[in-house]
Amino acid sequence: MSSLSSHQFRPASDDDSRSPCPALNALANHGYLPHNGKNLSIMTLVRAMKSVYNLSTALSLLLAIGGTILCGNWLSLNLHDLALHNRIEHDASLTHEDALHGHKYAPIDVDQSLVSDMLDCSPADDLTLEDLARVRARRDMTLAVPLGGMRATISRAECAQVIIVFGDENGVAPKRVLREWFGEERIPDGWSGPKGTAGIRNTFAKAKEVGQEVARLTRHA
């Protein structure tokens, strides 16, 4: 990851484009993506995700191409395009309210009460994959219609990515780091980058673990 000294945090202005995704918003807020969040090419997205989050080339391409095709114009996108409801964005987000009935776009503002609810799910100073699965299950239970197919997979992969990117060698992610990233959409102070590479295989393996734990918790709810 390139030095944060040359990528100082600048919050978005009203004219800047932002998404429901804290990962991409943080990249724009620190200038790893253009700060206005507009007209982002596939390779611009790939380079930023690889540089900061150490995503593999394959996973970066999958996310960038998928987002651009499903939400953009096939060549580029604005970050707010990713708020298109039920394309990639989904209800029962960990940190955002659901889209209002009939609205084309989902909210992009962080719901701080949901951030607190997530961080307060454990008395420890960090969160495990199991903690995040418990939050995921609790959010799923608010839905009248369960997430299915691609959006269910995305919701579980999001939890997996949190631990792969921000977890330590024991697989736990500090709450302080997650509060800054989710709550303020900034690269956490003092964070030196992931311990390993986030690839397709390890992301989907951990996402499967999340799904299994969510299913277990739901059965016993």
Protein backbone atom coordinates (compact mmCIF):
# COMPACT_ATOMS: atom_id res chain seq x y z
CA MET A 1 0.00 0.00 0.00
CA SER A 2 1.40 3.40 -0.94
CA SER A 3 2.07 5.80 1.92
CA LEU A 4 -0.94 7.36 3.59
CA SER A 5 1.09 10.56 3.96
CA SER A 6 0.40 11.24 0.29
CA HIS A 7 -3.20 10.06 0.59
CA GLN A 8 -4.68 12.16 3.37
CA PHE A 9 -8.34 11.69 4.27
CA ARG A 10 -10.75 14.19 2.70
CA PRO A 11 -14.45 13.50 3.23
CA ALA A 12 -16.79 13.65 0.28
CA SER A 13 -18.48 16.91 -0.68
CA ASP A 14 -22.03 17.17 -1.97
CA ASP A 15 -20.70 17.10 -5.53
CA ASP A 16 -18.74 13.86 -5.07
CA SER A 17 -20.15 10.46 -5.99
CA ARG A 18 -20.22 7.80 -3.28
CA SER A 19 -21.61 4.29 -2.93
CA PRO A 20 -22.99 2.01 -0.20
CA CYS A 21 -19.55 0.29 -0.17
CA PRO A 22 -17.16 1.46 2.57
CA ALA A 23 -14.18 -0.08 0.77
CA LEU A 24 -14.59 2.03 -2.36
CA ASN A 25 -15.68 5.16 -0.51
CA ALA A 26 -12.56 5.00 1.65
CA LEU A 27 -10.41 4.65 -1.47
CA ALA A 28 -11.99 7.79 -2.92
CA ASN A 29 -11.81 9.70 0.37
CA HIS A 30 -8.05 9.07 0.45
CA GLY A 31 -7.42 9.70 -3.24
CA TYR A 32 -6.57 6.16 -4.26
CA LEU A 33 -9.56 6.62 -6.55
CA PRO A 34 -10.39 10.04 -8.01
CA HIS A 35 -11.91 11.98 -5.13
CA ASN A 36 -15.04 12.87 -7.07
CA GLY A 37 -15.80 9.17 -7.52
CA LYS A 38 -16.85 9.65 -11.15
CA ASN A 39 -16.02 8.03 -14.49
CA LEU A 40 -13.99 5.24 -12.90
CA SER A 41 -12.60 2.76 -15.39
CA ILE A 42 -12.26 -0.93 -14.66
CA MET A 43 -8.47 -0.69 -14.41
CA THR A 44 -8.64 2.37 -12.13
CA LEU A 45 -10.77 0.32 -9.74
CA VAL A 46 -8.51 -2.72 -10.04
CA ARG A 47 -5.33 -0.78 -9.30
CA ALA A 48 -6.82 0.89 -6.20
CA MET A 49 -8.24 -2.34 -4.74
CA LYS A 50 -4.95 -4.17 -5.29
CA SER A 51 -2.84 -1.32 -3.89
CA VAL A 52 -4.72 -0.77 -0.63
CA TYR A 53 -6.59 -3.99 0.16
CA ASN A 54 -4.16 -6.44 -1.48
CA LEU A 55 -6.90 -8.08 -3.50
CA SER A 56 -5.66 -10.52 -6.10
CA THR A 57 -5.78 -9.47 -9.72
CA ALA A 58 -8.50 -12.05 -10.41
CA LEU A 59 -10.74 -10.90 -7.55
CA SER A 60 -10.16 -7.23 -8.36
CA LEU A 61 -11.14 -7.83 -11.98
CA LEU A 62 -14.20 -9.85 -10.96
CA LEU A 63 -15.44 -7.05 -8.71
CA ALA A 64 -14.58 -4.20 -11.07
CA ILE A 65 -15.98 -5.84 -14.19
CA GLY A 66 -19.07 -7.09 -12.39
CA GLY A 67 -19.81 -3.68 -10.89
CA THR A 68 -19.23 -1.86 -14.16
CA ILE A 69 -21.41 -4.20 -16.20
CA LEU A 70 -24.25 -4.47 -13.69
CA CYS A 71 -24.30 -0.84 -12.56
CA GLY A 72 -22.24 1.29 -14.93
CA ASN A 73 -22.07 1.77 -18.67
CA TRP A 74 -19.86 -1.29 -19.35
CA LEU A 75 -16.74 0.89 -19.61
CA SER A 76 -16.84 2.97 -16.42
CA LEU A 77 -19.03 3.87 -13.50
CA ASN A 78 -19.69 6.54 -10.91
CA LEU A 79 -19.57 5.25 -7.35
CA HIS A 80 -23.21 6.19 -6.81
CA ASP A 81 -24.17 3.81 -9.63
CA LEU A 82 -23.41 1.01 -7.17
CA ALA A 83 -26.35 2.19 -5.06
CA LEU A 84 -28.76 0.91 -7.72
CA HIS A 85 -31.11 -1.16 -5.62
CA ASN A 86 -30.87 -4.94 -5.96
CA ARG A 87 -28.16 -4.96 -8.59
CA ILE A 88 -25.17 -5.59 -6.33
CA GLU A 89 -26.49 -3.52 -3.39
CA HIS A 90 -28.90 -5.47 -1.20
CA ASP A 91 -31.24 -4.99 1.72
CA ALA A 92 -30.10 -5.85 5.27
CA SER A 93 -26.71 -4.20 4.82
CA LEU A 94 -24.43 -4.35 7.82
CA THR A 95 -24.23 -0.56 8.06
CA HIS A 96 -26.84 1.02 5.76
CA GLU A 97 -30.61 1.32 5.88
CA ASP A 98 -32.68 -0.53 3.30
CA ALA A 99 -33.82 1.18 0.13
CA LEU A 100 -37.24 2.76 0.47
CA HIS A 101 -40.04 1.03 -1.36
CA GLY A 102 -40.11 2.07 -5.00
CA HIS A 103 -36.82 3.97 -4.83
CA LYS A 104 -34.25 3.31 -7.54
CA TYR A 105 -31.24 3.88 -5.28
CA ALA A 106 -30.38 2.70 -1.80
CA PRO A 107 -29.11 5.08 0.91
CA ILE A 108 -25.38 5.79 0.87
CA ASP A 109 -25.13 7.49 4.26
CA VAL A 110 -23.72 5.30 7.01
CA ASP A 111 -26.23 4.35 9.71
CA GLN A 112 -24.17 4.84 12.85
CA SER A 113 -26.65 2.87 14.95
CA LEU A 114 -26.02 -0.17 12.76
CA VAL A 115 -22.26 0.34 13.05
CA SER A 116 -22.61 0.40 16.84
CA ASP A 117 -24.86 -2.65 16.78
CA MET A 118 -22.24 -4.56 14.80
CA LEU A 119 -19.34 -3.53 17.03
CA ASP A 120 -21.31 -4.20 20.22
CA CYS A 121 -22.11 -7.78 19.23
CA SER A 122 -19.08 -8.92 21.25
CA PRO A 123 -17.60 -7.61 24.52
CA ALA A 124 -14.07 -8.15 23.17
CA ASP A 125 -11.94 -5.45 21.54
CA ASP A 126 -12.11 -7.18 18.18
CA LEU A 127 -14.49 -9.15 16.00
CA THR A 128 -14.17 -12.68 14.64
CA LEU A 129 -15.72 -14.23 11.56
CA GLU A 130 -18.29 -15.84 13.87
CA ASP A 131 -19.19 -12.45 15.33
CA LEU A 132 -19.80 -11.04 11.87
CA ALA A 133 -21.85 -14.09 10.93
CA ARG A 134 -24.00 -13.45 14.00
CA VAL A 135 -24.58 -9.85 12.90
CA ARG A 136 -25.27 -11.06 9.35
CA ALA A 137 -27.88 -13.50 10.67
CA ARG A 138 -29.50 -10.80 12.79
CA ARG A 139 -29.75 -8.46 9.81
CA ASP A 140 -31.13 -11.27 7.62
CA MET A 141 -33.90 -11.84 10.13
CA THR A 142 -35.22 -8.33 9.51
CA LEU A 143 -36.09 -9.23 5.91
CA ALA A 144 -39.60 -10.16 4.81
CA VAL A 145 -38.06 -11.95 1.81
CA PRO A 146 -34.65 -13.61 2.36
CA LEU A 147 -31.69 -12.66 0.23
CA GLY A 148 -31.16 -15.20 -2.48
CA GLY A 149 -28.69 -16.17 -5.15
CA MET A 150 -25.98 -13.65 -5.94
CA ARG A 151 -27.01 -11.13 -3.27
CA ALA A 152 -26.91 -13.77 -0.52
CA THR A 153 -23.42 -14.74 -1.66
CA ILE A 154 -22.33 -11.09 -1.75
CA SER A 155 -23.63 -10.48 1.78
CA ARG A 156 -21.56 -13.36 3.13
CA ALA A 157 -18.48 -12.48 1.09
CA GLU A 158 -18.60 -8.96 2.55
CA CYS A 159 -18.17 -10.44 6.04
CA ALA A 160 -15.36 -12.68 4.79
CA GLN A 161 -13.51 -9.73 3.26
CA VAL A 162 -13.58 -7.80 6.52
CA ILE A 163 -11.62 -10.55 8.27
CA ILE A 164 -9.29 -11.29 5.35
CA VAL A 165 -8.38 -7.63 4.89
CA PHE A 166 -8.39 -6.35 8.48
CA GLY A 167 -7.88 -9.52 10.51
CA ASP A 168 -4.62 -10.35 12.25
CA GLU A 169 -2.82 -13.68 12.23
CA ASN A 170 -5.48 -15.02 14.61
CA GLY A 171 -8.31 -14.03 12.33
CA VAL A 172 -9.69 -11.20 14.45
CA ALA A 173 -10.23 -7.60 13.35
CA PRO A 174 -9.82 -4.75 15.88
CA LYS A 175 -12.98 -2.78 16.58
CA ARG A 176 -11.07 0.50 16.43
CA VAL A 177 -10.05 -0.26 12.86
CA LEU A 178 -13.56 -1.33 11.86
CA ARG A 179 -15.15 1.73 13.47
CA GLU A 180 -13.01 4.07 11.36
CA TRP A 181 -13.51 2.06 8.17
CA PHE A 182 -17.23 1.39 8.42
CA GLY A 183 -18.22 4.44 10.43
CA GLU A 184 -16.02 7.13 8.87
CA GLU A 185 -15.18 5.48 5.52
CA ARG A 186 -11.49 6.14 5.96
CA ILE A 187 -8.35 4.01 5.89
CA PRO A 188 -7.80 3.35 9.61
CA ASP A 189 -5.00 5.25 11.32
CA GLY A 190 -1.95 3.07 11.88
CA TRP A 191 -3.21 0.25 9.69
CA SER A 192 -0.33 -1.12 7.63
CA GLY A 193 -2.33 -3.24 5.20
CA PRO A 194 -3.57 -6.83 5.01
CA LYS A 195 -1.53 -9.75 6.32
CA GLY A 196 -2.09 -11.69 3.10
CA THR A 197 -3.74 -11.57 -0.30
CA ALA A 198 -7.51 -11.63 -0.61
CA GLY A 199 -8.27 -13.91 -3.53
CA ILE A 200 -11.31 -15.58 -4.99
CA ARG A 201 -10.62 -18.91 -3.31
CA ASN A 202 -10.07 -17.74 0.26
CA THR A 203 -12.87 -15.17 0.04
CA PHE A 204 -15.44 -17.72 -1.06
CA ALA A 205 -14.17 -20.31 1.42
CA LYS A 206 -14.73 -17.89 4.29
CA ALA A 207 -18.03 -16.75 2.78
CA LYS A 208 -19.13 -20.39 2.88
CA GLU A 209 -18.23 -20.51 6.58
CA VAL A 210 -20.34 -17.41 7.16
CA GLY A 211 -23.26 -18.95 5.29
CA GLN A 212 -23.06 -22.13 7.34
CA GLU A 213 -23.01 -20.20 10.60
CA VAL A 214 -25.89 -17.98 9.48
CA ALA A 215 -27.91 -21.08 8.60
CA ARG A 216 -27.15 -22.64 11.99
CA LEU A 217 -28.13 -19.49 13.88
CA THR A 218 -31.30 -19.10 11.84
CA ARG A 219 -32.37 -22.68 12.59
CA HIS A 220 -31.97 -22.07 16.32
CA ALA A 221 -33.49 -18.59 16.41
